[in-house]
Protein backbone atom coordinates (compact mmCIF):
# COMPACT_ATOMS: atom_id res chain seq x y z
CA MET A 1 43.60 21.24 7.01
CA GLY A 2 45.86 18.16 7.94
CA ARG A 3 46.84 15.70 5.46
CA ALA A 4 44.95 12.56 4.81
CA ARG A 5 46.28 9.45 6.65
CA ILE A 6 48.05 7.00 4.45
CA ASP A 7 47.53 3.28 5.25
CA ALA A 8 50.37 0.67 5.05
CA PRO A 9 49.01 -1.08 1.74
CA GLU A 10 48.91 2.26 0.03
CA LEU A 11 52.33 3.22 1.18
CA LEU A 12 53.76 -0.07 -0.03
CA ARG A 13 52.15 0.47 -3.40
CA ARG A 14 53.60 4.14 -3.85
CA ALA A 15 56.88 2.51 -2.68
CA GLU A 16 56.81 -0.12 -5.44
CA HIS A 17 56.02 2.56 -8.08
CA ALA A 18 58.97 4.68 -6.94
CA LEU A 19 61.28 1.33 -6.97
CA PHE A 20 60.10 0.56 -10.63
CA ALA A 21 60.74 4.01 -11.73
CA ALA A 22 64.28 4.14 -10.02
CA LEU A 23 65.27 0.78 -11.57
CA LEU A 24 64.09 1.95 -14.76
CA LEU A 25 65.99 5.23 -14.72
CA VAL A 26 69.10 3.58 -13.36
CA GLY A 27 69.10 0.90 -16.23
CA ALA A 28 68.56 3.86 -18.76
CA GLY A 29 71.54 5.89 -17.28
CA GLN A 30 73.84 2.93 -17.25
CA SER A 31 72.80 2.13 -20.94
CA TRP A 32 73.62 5.85 -21.97
CA LEU A 33 76.92 5.66 -20.34
CA ASP A 34 77.47 2.44 -22.14
CA GLY A 35 76.87 4.02 -25.18
CA ALA A 36 75.24 0.74 -26.87
CA HIS A 37 72.01 0.67 -28.93
CA LEU A 38 71.08 4.00 -27.61
CA ALA A 39 68.09 4.72 -29.92
CA ALA A 40 66.70 0.98 -29.13
CA THR A 41 67.18 1.66 -25.57
CA VAL A 42 65.44 4.89 -25.50
CA LEU A 43 62.42 3.78 -27.53
CA VAL A 44 61.87 0.57 -25.37
CA THR A 45 62.68 2.58 -22.09
CA LEU A 46 59.63 5.02 -23.21
CA ALA A 47 57.44 2.11 -24.32
CA VAL A 48 58.09 0.50 -20.76
CA ALA A 49 57.38 3.76 -19.11
CA CYS A 50 54.17 4.38 -20.84
CA TRP A 51 52.75 1.01 -20.47
CA TYR A 52 53.67 1.08 -16.66
CA ALA A 53 51.72 4.24 -16.48
CA VAL A 54 48.66 2.56 -18.25
CA GLY A 55 48.90 -0.09 -15.63
CA MET A 56 48.63 2.61 -12.66
CA ALA A 57 45.48 4.07 -14.45
CA LEU A 58 43.98 0.69 -14.71
CA SER A 59 44.53 -0.22 -10.99
CA ARG A 60 42.89 2.94 -10.05
CA ARG A 61 39.82 1.85 -11.99
CA ALA A 62 39.72 -1.57 -10.55
CA ALA A 63 40.39 -3.31 -13.80
CA GLY A 64 39.38 -6.95 -13.92
CA PRO A 65 42.03 -9.96 -13.50
CA ARG A 66 42.16 -10.83 -17.32
CA LEU A 67 43.30 -7.18 -18.22
CA ALA A 68 45.88 -7.20 -15.34
CA VAL A 69 47.17 -10.42 -16.61
CA LEU A 70 47.32 -9.08 -20.10
CA TRP A 71 49.11 -5.85 -18.69
CA LEU A 72 51.56 -7.83 -16.89
CA ALA A 73 52.44 -10.12 -19.81
CA VAL A 74 53.09 -7.14 -22.14
CA LEU A 75 55.24 -5.62 -19.37
CA THR A 76 57.21 -8.81 -19.04
CA ALA A 77 57.74 -8.82 -22.95
CA LEU A 78 59.14 -5.30 -22.95
CA TRP A 79 61.41 -6.03 -20.00
CA ALA A 80 62.75 -9.09 -21.90
CA ALA A 81 63.26 -6.52 -24.95
CA LEU A 82 65.21 -4.16 -22.68
CA VAL A 83 67.44 -6.84 -21.10
CA ALA A 84 68.27 -8.11 -24.61
CA VAL A 85 69.33 -4.49 -25.59
CA SER A 86 71.25 -3.82 -22.20
CA LEU A 87 72.04 -5.89 -19.25
CA SER A 88 71.57 -2.81 -17.00
CA PHE A 89 67.88 -3.36 -16.95
CA VAL A 90 68.15 -7.13 -15.76
CA TRP A 91 67.56 -5.80 -11.91
CA LEU A 92 63.98 -4.44 -13.23
CA ALA A 93 63.09 -8.15 -12.64
CA PHE A 94 62.80 -7.39 -8.74
CA ALA A 95 59.94 -4.91 -9.50
CA LEU A 96 58.33 -7.69 -11.69
CA PHE A 97 58.60 -10.16 -8.89
CA LEU A 98 56.57 -7.90 -6.76
CA LEU A 99 53.95 -7.45 -9.44
CA TYR A 100 53.50 -10.98 -10.02
CA ARG A 101 52.82 -11.80 -6.49
CA GLN A 102 50.37 -9.00 -6.16
CA LEU A 103 48.47 -9.36 -9.63
CA LEU A 104 48.45 -13.24 -9.72
CA PRO A 105 47.30 -16.09 -7.64
CA ASP A 106 50.04 -18.11 -6.03
CA ARG A 107 49.68 -21.07 -8.32
CA TRP A 108 50.48 -18.71 -11.25
CA ALA A 109 52.74 -16.34 -9.38
CA LEU A 110 55.35 -18.64 -7.99
CA PRO A 111 56.02 -20.29 -11.12
CA GLY A 112 56.20 -17.03 -12.98
CA VAL A 113 58.63 -15.65 -10.35
CA ALA A 114 60.84 -18.82 -11.18
CA LEU A 115 60.73 -18.23 -14.63
CA LEU A 116 61.85 -14.57 -14.22
CA THR A 117 64.51 -15.63 -12.06
CA ALA A 118 65.89 -18.17 -14.62
CA GLY A 119 65.51 -15.70 -17.41
CA SER A 120 67.47 -13.05 -15.52
CA ILE A 121 70.29 -15.55 -14.71
CA THR A 122 70.29 -16.58 -18.31
CA ALA A 123 70.53 -12.78 -19.52
CA VAL A 124 73.49 -12.26 -17.35
CA GLY A 125 75.10 -15.38 -18.68
CA LEU A 126 74.38 -14.46 -22.18
CA HIS A 127 75.75 -11.00 -21.89
CA ARG A 128 78.74 -11.94 -20.00
CA GLY A 129 79.39 -15.19 -21.71
CA GLN A 130 79.80 -16.77 -18.29
CA LEU A 131 78.10 -17.29 -14.80
CA ASP A 132 79.46 -16.57 -11.50
CA PRO A 133 78.05 -17.10 -7.92
CA ALA A 134 76.94 -13.22 -7.75
CA ALA A 135 74.94 -13.54 -11.17
CA VAL A 136 73.08 -16.54 -9.67
CA LEU A 137 72.42 -15.50 -6.16
CA GLY A 138 71.43 -12.09 -7.00
CA PRO A 139 68.28 -12.76 -8.96
CA VAL A 140 67.62 -15.76 -6.47
CA PHE A 141 67.75 -13.55 -3.37
CA GLY A 142 65.59 -10.76 -5.07
CA ALA A 143 63.15 -13.22 -5.77
CA ALA A 144 63.15 -14.58 -2.18
CA VAL A 145 62.79 -10.98 -0.83
CA ALA A 146 59.88 -10.23 -3.20
CA ILE A 147 58.15 -13.15 -2.12
CA VAL A 148 58.54 -12.38 1.65
CA SER A 149 57.79 -8.53 1.13
CA THR A 150 54.44 -9.40 -0.66
CA ALA A 151 53.42 -11.90 1.92
CA VAL A 152 53.81 -9.06 4.50
CA TYR A 153 51.93 -6.78 2.08
CA ARG A 154 49.01 -9.29 1.79
CA ARG A 155 48.73 -9.53 5.44
CA LEU A 156 48.82 -5.85 5.95
CA ARG A 157 46.18 -5.50 3.56
CA ARG A 158 44.00 -8.17 5.16
CA GLU A 159 44.42 -6.25 8.54
CA SER A 160 43.59 -2.93 6.83
CA GLU A 161 40.36 -4.44 5.33
CA ALA A 162 39.41 -6.17 8.64
CA ARG A 163 40.11 -2.76 10.44
CA ALA A 164 37.92 -0.92 7.95
CA ALA A 165 35.21 -3.62 8.28
CA LEU A 166 35.29 -3.15 11.89
CA VAL A 167 35.22 0.63 11.72
CA ARG A 168 32.06 0.32 9.47
CA GLU A 169 30.51 -1.92 11.86
CA LEU A 170 31.11 0.35 14.67
CA THR A 171 29.79 3.26 12.76
CA GLU A 172 26.69 1.25 12.05
CA ALA A 173 26.47 0.16 15.66
CA GLN A 174 26.59 3.94 16.96
CA GLN A 175 24.02 5.02 14.37
CA ARG A 176 21.68 2.01 15.48
CA LEU A 177 22.50 2.89 19.23
CA ALA A 178 21.74 6.61 18.54
CA ALA A 179 18.46 5.68 16.77
CA THR A 180 17.46 3.45 19.63
CA GLU A 181 18.26 6.30 22.15
CA ARG A 182 16.03 8.59 20.21
CA ARG A 183 13.07 6.09 20.16
CA GLU A 184 13.69 5.48 23.87
CA GLY A 185 13.47 9.01 24.45
CA ILE A 186 10.38 9.72 22.46
CA LEU A 187 8.73 6.73 24.25
CA ALA A 188 9.77 8.07 27.65
CA GLU A 189 8.37 11.41 26.93
CA ARG A 190 4.98 10.01 25.67
CA GLU A 191 4.96 8.09 28.80
CA ARG A 192 5.62 11.25 30.78
CA LEU A 193 2.86 13.11 28.84
CA ALA A 194 0.41 10.17 29.29
CA ARG A 195 1.01 10.13 32.96
CA GLU A 196 0.60 13.88 33.27
CA ILE A 197 -2.60 13.88 31.22
CA HIS A 198 -3.88 11.13 33.22
CA ASP A 199 -3.19 12.73 36.58
CA THR A 200 -4.37 16.34 35.79
CA VAL A 201 -6.56 17.03 32.75
CA ALA A 202 -8.41 13.64 32.54
CA GLN A 203 -9.02 13.63 36.22
CA ASN A 204 -10.63 17.14 36.08
CA LEU A 205 -12.62 16.18 32.99
CA SER A 206 -13.81 13.28 34.96
CA SER A 207 -15.05 15.38 37.74
CA ILE A 208 -16.82 17.78 35.32
CA ILE A 209 -18.68 14.84 33.86
CA LEU A 210 -19.66 13.74 37.37
CA LEU A 211 -20.63 17.27 38.20
CA LEU A 212 -22.77 17.67 35.17
CA ARG A 213 -24.52 14.55 35.69
CA ALA A 214 -25.47 15.59 39.39
CA ALA A 215 -26.49 18.87 37.91
CA ARG A 216 -28.92 17.37 35.39
CA ASP A 217 -30.90 15.88 38.38
CA ALA A 218 -30.68 18.55 40.89
CA ALA A 219 -33.34 21.24 41.33
CA ASP A 220 -30.64 23.93 41.89
CA ALA A 221 -27.47 23.04 39.54
CA ARG A 222 -25.70 26.46 40.35
CA PRO A 223 -23.34 24.89 43.10
CA GLN A 224 -22.38 21.97 40.76
CA LEU A 225 -21.79 24.12 37.64
CA GLU A 226 -19.66 26.43 39.82
CA ILE A 227 -17.43 23.45 40.88
CA ALA A 228 -17.43 22.16 37.19
CA GLU A 229 -16.27 25.75 36.13
CA ARG A 230 -13.53 25.61 38.71
CA ALA A 231 -12.28 22.01 37.42
CA ALA A 232 -12.46 23.30 33.85
CA LYS A 233 -10.27 26.07 34.67
CA GLY A 234 -8.17 23.83 36.60
CA ALA A 235 -7.77 21.44 33.41
CA LEU A 236 -6.87 24.43 31.35
CA GLU A 237 -4.27 25.54 33.54
CA ASP A 238 -2.78 22.14 33.83
CA THR A 239 -2.67 21.68 30.19
CA ARG A 240 -0.82 25.20 29.82
CA ARG A 241 1.61 24.09 32.40
CA LEU A 242 2.01 20.64 30.76
CA VAL A 243 2.82 22.41 27.53
CA ARG A 244 5.47 24.63 29.14
CA ALA A 245 6.84 21.71 31.55
CA LEU A 246 6.14 23.80 34.46
CA THR A 247 5.64 22.94 38.22
CA PRO A 248 2.18 21.59 39.12
CA ALA A 249 -0.11 24.66 40.21
CA GLU A 250 -0.66 23.11 43.54
CA LEU A 251 2.97 23.20 44.46
CA ALA A 252 3.50 26.68 42.78
CA GLY A 253 4.85 28.65 45.75
CA ARG A 254 3.65 26.13 48.66
CA PRO A 255 4.89 23.08 50.29
CA LEU A 256 3.72 19.64 49.84
CA PRO A 257 1.48 19.47 53.01
CA GLU A 258 -0.39 22.56 51.89
CA ALA A 259 -0.90 21.19 48.27
CA LEU A 260 -2.28 18.00 49.77
CA GLU A 261 -4.67 19.73 51.88
CA ARG A 262 -6.18 21.60 48.96
CA VAL A 263 -6.27 18.47 46.91
CA VAL A 264 -8.25 16.79 49.97
CA ALA A 265 -10.51 19.99 50.39
CA ASP A 266 -11.59 19.50 46.63
CA LEU A 267 -12.56 16.10 47.16
CA ARG A 268 -15.21 17.36 49.78
CA ASP A 269 -17.09 18.90 47.10
CA PHE A 270 -18.14 15.69 46.03
CA GLY A 271 -19.72 14.75 49.24
CA VAL A 272 -16.88 12.65 50.44
CA GLN A 273 -15.81 13.14 54.00
CA ALA A 274 -12.06 13.74 53.29
CA ARG A 275 -9.53 14.35 56.02
CA PHE A 276 -5.65 15.23 55.56
CA VAL A 277 -3.30 14.24 58.51
CA LEU A 278 0.24 15.47 58.72
CA ASP A 279 2.71 13.26 60.74
CA GLY A 280 6.19 14.09 61.52
CA GLU A 281 8.26 17.22 61.22
CA PRO A 282 7.88 18.86 57.66
CA CYS A 283 11.11 19.39 55.74
CA PRO A 284 12.10 20.71 52.31
CA LEU A 285 11.55 18.11 49.63
CA PRO A 286 13.19 17.83 46.06
CA THR A 287 10.89 19.09 43.60
CA PRO A 288 10.83 15.57 41.57
CA VAL A 289 9.67 13.79 44.90
CA ALA A 290 7.24 16.34 45.82
CA VAL A 291 5.50 16.23 42.39
CA ALA A 292 5.66 12.31 42.39
CA LEU A 293 4.01 12.04 45.85
CA LEU A 294 1.33 14.67 44.88
CA ARG A 295 0.45 12.99 41.64
CA VAL A 296 0.01 9.80 43.43
CA ALA A 297 -2.23 11.42 45.87
CA GLN A 298 -4.25 12.94 43.18
CA GLY A 299 -4.43 9.73 41.05
CA ALA A 300 -5.67 7.72 44.10
CA LEU A 301 -8.25 10.29 45.19
CA ALA A 302 -9.47 10.40 41.67
CA ASN A 303 -9.92 6.56 41.84
CA VAL A 304 -11.92 7.15 45.03
CA ARG A 305 -14.18 9.82 43.29
CA ALA A 306 -14.81 7.85 40.11
CA HIS A 307 -14.71 4.05 41.17
CA ALA A 308 -14.64 3.45 45.11
CA ALA A 309 -18.07 5.00 46.16
CA ALA A 310 -16.41 5.79 49.38
CA ASP A 311 -17.94 7.72 52.41
CA ARG A 312 -14.58 8.50 54.05
CA VAL A 313 -11.13 9.04 52.86
CA VAL A 314 -7.93 9.80 55.18
CA VAL A 315 -4.85 11.33 53.43
CA THR A 316 -1.68 10.93 55.65
CA LEU A 317 1.87 12.69 54.99
CA THR A 318 4.37 11.13 57.05
CA PHE A 319 7.91 12.32 57.28
CA GLN A 320 10.48 9.65 58.25
CA PRO A 321 14.26 9.89 58.63
CA GLY A 322 15.55 9.67 55.17
CA ALA A 323 12.03 9.13 53.50
CA VAL A 324 8.46 10.65 53.05
CA ARG A 325 5.37 8.63 52.72
CA VAL A 326 1.79 9.40 51.56
CA ASP A 327 -1.08 6.94 52.53
CA VAL A 328 -4.51 7.18 51.02
CA ALA A 329 -7.27 5.02 52.69
CA ASP A 330 -10.79 4.79 51.93
CA ASP A 331 -13.77 2.65 53.03
CA GLY A 332 -15.06 2.05 49.34
CA VAL A 333 -15.97 -0.89 47.42
CA GLY A 334 -12.24 -2.07 47.00
CA PHE A 335 -11.01 -4.42 44.21
CA ASP A 336 -8.59 -7.26 43.57
CA PRO A 337 -4.99 -5.65 43.22
CA ALA A 338 -3.99 -8.57 40.90
CA ARG A 339 -6.63 -7.55 38.47
CA PRO A 340 -7.19 -3.76 39.06
CA ALA A 341 -8.98 -3.34 35.62
CA ALA A 342 -11.60 -5.96 36.59
CA GLY A 343 -12.67 -3.70 39.55
CA ALA A 344 -16.05 -1.89 40.09
CA SER A 345 -17.05 1.01 38.02
CA SER A 346 -15.02 0.02 34.96
CA GLY A 347 -11.63 0.85 36.25
CA THR A 348 -8.95 0.43 33.77
CA GLY A 349 -5.78 -0.05 36.12
CA LEU A 350 -3.94 2.63 34.22
CA GLY A 351 -3.70 4.87 37.31
CA LEU A 352 -1.87 2.39 39.45
CA SER A 353 0.60 1.91 36.60
CA ALA A 354 1.18 5.71 36.38
CA MET A 355 1.61 5.91 40.05
CA SER A 356 4.35 3.04 40.00
CA GLY A 357 5.95 4.71 37.19
CA ARG A 358 6.17 8.18 38.68
CA LEU A 359 7.57 6.66 41.92
CA ALA A 360 10.14 4.65 40.03
CA GLU A 361 11.64 7.79 38.55
CA VAL A 362 12.48 8.95 42.14
CA GLY A 363 13.41 5.56 43.46
CA GLY A 364 10.14 5.04 45.38
CA THR A 365 7.94 2.16 46.09
CA LEU A 366 4.14 1.77 45.82
CA VAL A 367 1.99 -0.54 48.24
CA VAL A 368 -1.59 -1.45 47.31
CA GLU A 369 -3.81 -3.07 49.81
CA SER A 370 -7.43 -3.72 48.82
CA ALA A 371 -10.03 -6.47 48.70
CA PRO A 372 -13.50 -6.55 47.23
CA GLY A 373 -15.76 -4.86 49.70
CA ARG A 374 -13.15 -4.04 52.22
CA GLY A 375 -11.84 -0.64 50.97
CA THR A 376 -8.49 0.32 49.70
CA ALA A 377 -5.18 1.70 51.22
CA ILE A 378 -2.44 3.07 48.97
CA SER A 379 1.14 3.88 50.51
CA ALA A 380 3.71 5.75 48.32
CA THR A 381 7.21 6.09 49.90
CA ALA A 382 10.03 7.96 48.21
CA PRO A 383 13.49 8.52 49.58
CA LEU A 384 14.84 12.09 50.42
CA SER A 385 18.48 11.17 49.28
CA ALA A 386 19.91 8.68 46.88
CA PRO A 387 17.09 6.68 44.86
CA ALA A 388 16.48 3.17 45.39
CA GLU A 389 15.33 0.28 43.25
CA PRO A 390 11.44 1.00 42.60
CA ALA A 391 9.12 -1.88 43.30
CA LEU A 392 5.20 -2.28 43.15
CA GLU A 393 3.82 -4.54 45.96
CA ALA A 394 0.27 -5.75 46.32
CA ALA A 395 -1.31 -7.21 49.45
């Protein structure tokens, strides 16, 4: 496994800890070489190291500002004690400059840095008995560097926090997008299933109801019952194929013209004079296109059977350059295409929506021409190559 990436603010914090430890060790080593006040130096040095370790532990626990100020005040007092024992610890003030800038607001940090700078210069003067330019400029330059470096640190921390917030927002957006895609996928699958059920099982069940009604009033009901039995078997087969997501039974092993001929032949069992016409040279069709056109024809014929009260129906399959078209025309009662649900025989208009949706998936168009008392003509066109923008037109 690779190492976890360390961001810039964390790297700076670690560098500051290393700087404090280095300056403390350098001061302790120099005091040891000087040989003055060794016991006091060792004692206070250990106290400073332990107290700094306490501060590191508190920072990991996100201590409050009051506790941080208390810790910094005690650390400053311990540093003053070290400087009183040995001048070698005066440069530890640079680490204190950084801590002041990080832990205190600017209105307190800047005066605190100024006081530490003055205290460092004073300590040098008291230990040496005089002041020179280096004794003054050293602490001043150290304070300036600390102020600039902490300003850079704060900017890096803000950028790091902003980047982390952006990553969180992107992650949440991706999660929302994934959830939306899942919902859209579920809705699309529900719509597909609804169309399949409407165009297959529901139509067969509607036929069975009509046949049973006719058989109830007929002297010899056997023909109607035989047709109803075939319709029930067809509904069962369609249901099984729907569950298994298989090609429609009408297209299994046969081209679209033959499938449409069988659909038209089934309509004759209901006393309608149905005729199939093939125009143009047939060519192999993509399965989605063939399925869409077959379902549109089945839906149109189901509407004829259930609502149109038509005597004659003509289904025409036309192969054109780059497109194929299915036309279904009847001489029934017709309806208003602008309000299909208000048509005769309690139509719902769901069939037209299902037809339009199917054609939209293959880039096709649906044209509906009808008027009350003037019959209905439905034309479904699908491209043979790249799909075009789907449309539903009513005339």
